[in-house]
Protein backbone atom coordinates (compact mmCIF):
# COMPACT_ATOMS: atom_id res chain seq x y z
CA UNK A 1 0.00 0.00 0.00
CA UNK A 2 1.16 3.51 -0.79
CA UNK A 3 1.27 5.75 2.23
CA UNK A 4 1.02 9.48 2.70
CA UNK A 5 4.52 9.52 4.10
CA UNK A 6 5.83 7.80 0.96
CA UNK A 7 4.34 10.66 -1.06
CA UNK A 8 6.19 13.14 1.15
CA UNK A 9 9.42 11.12 1.00
CA UNK A 10 9.18 11.18 -2.81
CA UNK A 11 9.11 14.99 -2.62
CA UNK A 12 12.10 14.83 -0.28
CA UNK A 13 14.20 13.10 -2.94
CA UNK A 14 13.83 16.13 -5.20
CA UNK A 15 14.15 18.71 -2.42
CA UNK A 16 17.41 17.06 -1.34
CA UNK A 17 18.66 17.25 -4.93
CA UNK A 18 17.84 20.95 -4.86
CA UNK A 19 19.81 21.42 -1.63
CA UNK A 20 22.79 19.68 -3.22
CA UNK A 21 22.50 22.03 -6.20
CA UNK A 22 22.38 25.03 -3.86
CA UNK A 23 25.61 23.94 -2.18
CA UNK A 24 27.21 23.35 -5.58
CA UNK A 25 26.18 26.85 -6.67
CA UNK A 26 28.06 28.24 -3.68
CA UNK A 27 31.09 26.00 -4.28
CA UNK A 28 31.19 27.12 -7.91
CA UNK A 29 30.71 30.77 -6.91
CA UNK A 30 27.62 31.14 -9.10
CA UNK A 31 26.69 34.71 -9.98
CA UNK A 32 23.62 33.90 -12.11
CA UNK A 33 20.76 35.82 -10.52
CA UNK A 34 18.32 34.00 -12.83
CA UNK A 35 19.44 30.68 -11.32
CA UNK A 36 19.16 32.05 -7.78
CA UNK A 37 15.65 33.27 -8.60
CA UNK A 38 14.73 29.85 -9.96
CA UNK A 39 15.95 28.26 -6.71
CA UNK A 40 13.84 30.71 -4.69
CA UNK A 41 10.79 29.94 -6.83
CA UNK A 42 11.37 26.19 -6.51
CA UNK A 43 11.54 26.52 -2.76
CA UNK A 44 8.58 28.88 -2.44
CA UNK A 45 6.30 27.08 -4.88
CA UNK A 46 7.40 23.44 -4.65
CA UNK A 47 9.29 22.74 -1.40
CA UNK A 48 7.32 25.19 0.73
CA UNK A 49 4.20 25.99 -1.28
CA UNK A 50 3.38 22.41 -2.19
CA UNK A 51 5.32 20.02 0.03
CA UNK A 52 5.15 21.97 3.28
CA UNK A 53 1.50 22.76 2.56
CA UNK A 54 0.79 19.01 2.53
CA UNK A 55 2.55 18.70 5.87
CA UNK A 56 1.26 21.83 7.61
CA UNK A 57 -2.33 21.75 6.35
CA UNK A 58 -2.94 17.99 6.32
CA UNK A 59 -0.35 15.70 7.92
CA UNK A 60 0.42 17.72 11.04
CA UNK A 61 -3.24 18.41 11.90
CA UNK A 62 -4.02 14.69 11.55
CA UNK A 63 -1.06 13.96 13.81
CA UNK A 64 -2.55 16.51 16.19
CA UNK A 65 -5.77 14.49 16.27
CA UNK A 66 -3.60 11.57 17.41
CA UNK A 67 -2.10 13.55 20.28
CA UNK A 68 0.95 15.18 18.66
CA UNK A 69 1.17 18.75 19.93
CA UNK A 70 2.00 21.56 17.53
CA UNK A 71 3.54 23.46 20.46
CA UNK A 72 5.86 20.73 21.79
CA UNK A 73 7.58 17.65 20.40
CA UNK A 74 8.45 16.58 16.89
CA UNK A 75 5.68 18.42 15.02
CA UNK A 76 6.56 21.66 16.82
CA UNK A 77 10.20 21.22 15.79
CA UNK A 78 9.22 20.62 12.15
CA UNK A 79 7.04 23.74 12.12
CA UNK A 80 9.81 25.83 13.68
CA UNK A 81 12.25 24.59 11.05
CA UNK A 82 9.79 25.47 8.26
CA UNK A 83 9.83 29.05 9.60
CA UNK A 84 13.64 29.04 9.75
CA UNK A 85 13.72 27.84 6.14
CA UNK A 86 11.44 30.68 5.06
CA UNK A 87 13.79 33.14 6.77
CA UNK A 88 16.74 31.75 4.79
CA UNK A 89 14.73 32.07 1.56
CA UNK A 90 13.95 35.68 2.42
CA UNK A 91 17.68 36.23 2.91
CA UNK A 92 18.39 34.75 -0.52
CA UNK A 93 15.66 36.84 -2.12
CA UNK A 94 16.79 40.06 -0.43
CA UNK A 95 20.36 39.35 -1.54
CA UNK A 96 19.21 38.90 -5.14
CA UNK A 97 17.48 42.29 -5.02
CA UNK A 98 20.67 43.89 -3.75
CA UNK A 99 22.76 42.12 -6.40
CA UNK A 100 20.47 43.46 -9.12
CA UNK A 101 20.96 46.96 -7.70
CA UNK A 102 24.69 46.57 -8.25
CA UNK A 103 25.74 45.64 -4.71
CA UNK A 104 28.22 42.89 -5.55
CA UNK A 105 28.88 42.28 -1.85
CA UNK A 106 25.34 40.91 -1.54
CA UNK A 107 26.56 37.67 -3.12
CA UNK A 108 27.88 36.71 0.32
CA UNK A 109 24.37 37.11 1.78
CA UNK A 110 22.97 34.92 -0.99
CA UNK A 111 25.64 32.26 -0.43
CA UNK A 112 25.23 32.23 3.37
CA UNK A 113 21.47 31.81 3.07
CA UNK A 114 21.78 29.12 0.37
CA UNK A 115 24.09 27.18 2.69
CA UNK A 116 21.88 27.77 5.72
CA UNK A 117 18.75 26.60 3.92
CA UNK A 118 20.46 23.56 2.41
CA UNK A 119 21.91 22.34 5.71
CA UNK A 120 18.68 23.04 7.59
CA UNK A 121 16.59 21.12 5.07
CA UNK A 122 18.98 18.18 4.85
CA UNK A 123 18.78 17.74 8.63
CA UNK A 124 15.04 18.46 8.67
CA UNK A 125 14.30 15.84 6.04
CA UNK A 126 16.41 13.28 7.88
CA UNK A 127 14.32 13.84 11.03
CA UNK A 128 11.07 13.54 9.10
CA UNK A 129 12.08 10.43 7.14
CA UNK A 130 13.68 8.62 10.08
CA UNK A 131 11.62 9.73 13.08
CA UNK A 132 8.35 11.52 12.37
CA UNK A 133 7.13 9.59 9.34
CA UNK A 134 7.69 6.13 10.87
CA UNK A 135 5.73 7.33 13.91
CA UNK A 136 2.91 8.52 11.64
CA UNK A 137 2.88 5.21 9.78
CA UNK A 138 2.44 3.36 13.07
CA UNK A 139 -0.56 5.36 14.20
CA UNK A 140 -2.49 6.01 10.97
CA UNK A 141 -5.01 3.46 9.79
CA UNK A 142 -5.18 2.42 6.14
CA UNK A 143 -8.26 4.64 5.75
CA UNK A 144 -6.45 7.62 7.28
CA UNK A 145 -3.48 7.04 4.97
CA UNK A 146 -5.82 6.97 1.97
CA UNK A 147 -7.58 10.13 3.13
CA UNK A 148 -4.23 11.93 3.29
CA UNK A 149 -3.16 10.58 -0.11
CA UNK A 150 -6.42 11.82 -1.63
CA UNK A 151 -6.01 15.22 0.03
CA UNK A 152 -2.39 15.45 -1.16
CA UNK A 153 -3.62 14.81 -4.73
CA UNK A 154 -5.98 17.78 -4.43
CA UNK A 155 -3.16 20.05 -3.16
CA UNK A 156 -0.94 18.90 -6.04
CA UNK A 157 -3.71 19.49 -8.61
CA UNK A 158 -4.17 23.05 -7.32
CA UNK A 159 -0.44 23.86 -7.45
CA UNK A 160 0.95 26.55 -9.71
CA UNK A 161 1.17 24.60 -13.02
CA UNK A 162 4.66 25.96 -13.62
CA UNK A 163 5.81 24.40 -10.34
CA UNK A 164 3.64 21.30 -10.05
CA UNK A 165 5.68 18.21 -9.15
CA UNK A 166 6.48 17.26 -12.75
CA UNK A 167 7.54 20.76 -13.81
CA UNK A 168 9.43 21.43 -10.58
CA UNK A 169 11.41 18.22 -11.07
CA UNK A 170 12.22 19.28 -14.64
CA UNK A 171 13.51 22.62 -13.35
CA UNK A 172 15.63 20.84 -10.72
CA UNK A 173 16.98 18.62 -13.51
CA UNK A 174 17.86 21.76 -15.49
CA UNK A 175 19.86 23.18 -12.60
CA UNK A 176 21.46 19.80 -11.85
CA UNK A 177 22.73 19.61 -15.44
CA UNK A 178 24.57 22.90 -14.88
CA UNK A 179 25.83 22.52 -11.31
CA UNK A 180 26.01 18.78 -10.63
CA UNK A 181 27.79 17.34 -13.71
């Protein structure tokens, strides 16, 4: 049986590829603002807008019904890390704006926030895949799993078509071809 957590872990494969690309962009001292903007859009519309929406709007509330607090414990940590990730993305975005205004020193801000986001998400995903998701799989019934899977499908169908899972993966592939040869 497919599970809701398998759906989320499938997203994680591509989000982890994106974090590897982000680190490679820093290592290669990328200066392509278009590529930085694509990374920001992939995070905002795919990793955060789609994937984190499935977690925050559907998975975590169902875990809450099973006794998992959103103020304490693993769900609270995941939510806090989502906020930290958004702060890193804002730092990247602000740095891009400054770069476009001619402030070449802003590249350091972009790089620091790319690194911060990548490391945060790599650790975050490890916690979800190895701790939170196995816990969820133990407590959700087959019917609850199917309900989540059906709800995830609705979220995916309502995603920005340019950044739905298929198109987001194609964009990640595009960046990987440049930075991860």
